């Protein structure tokens, strides 16, 4: 069994190395873009979710996330497509990249190898090669650093990722919080609730517990939560464990936690307010990653193994064959 807990623990070292060594090959700053679209799946795709949320407050053009092999019709010449695939062989991402190129859109890539790296080198696309040998979900700091380098060199946008090193320093505190979260979620169906800003973190949490602990879980986003899901908690079903993410003073998140608790459900509030948006996302991702591995181990499953994803990929390969 691969010990991925240690790999999560070493996130600070991973990020530090990435920030020090990653450079954008074939870098060419775009003077202007009509829009930015991130494409990627799973542990790679979540980077697009997080960075897109950040860019909404920074750039004055549309920002989209695509987790499919189909690009929206509005992606065309003048748009920048940022393709993120740790393996470089993600079928959906490769298809989206080829479609973006066919339409004349600019493409930049973040990958450790595979077909995506081959395309980037053949076509002289801006790209960053990240350190290979990790599971994509464990490589989040590296993928963030690679994406940060591309955005800096191609768009002139700085994520401020170097400031995030400090949130990954206190391993003992992180393990303590992670063990508490794992203990809380044991024996229940996890439901992760967050405001729109922290939706990428809630989605990351769901994905981590899906893969590392082999648990079905779901995500709810405030304020939309208050127009539908809130009513479901009035019903008789029990067995849910609700985790509400907040970053500092957030009245809507606090209301959600209090209301669901008053209806008799178990609720845990996780405060990830560590400074900037990027810092909060990275810190929260660290905690849920550690917690999901700890819980998976306690349930007797191998956190590193994802058999069902292989079954899906084999089917998709057959489906997309010409």
Foldseek 3Di string as FASTA:
>chain_A
DDDCLVLLLCLLVQLVVLLVDKAKFLFDADPAAQEEEEEDDFLFQLLLVQVQLVCVVPDDHYYYYDDFLDDDPPQAARYEYEYTDAAQVDPSSVSNVVVSVVRNHAYEYEYQDYPNVVVCVVVSHTYIHFDDDDDSNSSNSNSNSRVQNNCCRHVVDHPPCVVLSVLSPPSVVLLVLLQVVLVLLPQAAEEEEEEPLCQSLSVLLQSLLCQQQVGHHYYDYPPVCVVPVLVVLLDDDARYEYEQEAAPDDVVSVVVQVSSVVSPHHYDYDYQNDDDSVNSSVSSSSSSNSNSNVNNVVVPHHSVDDVVVVVVVVVVVVVPDD
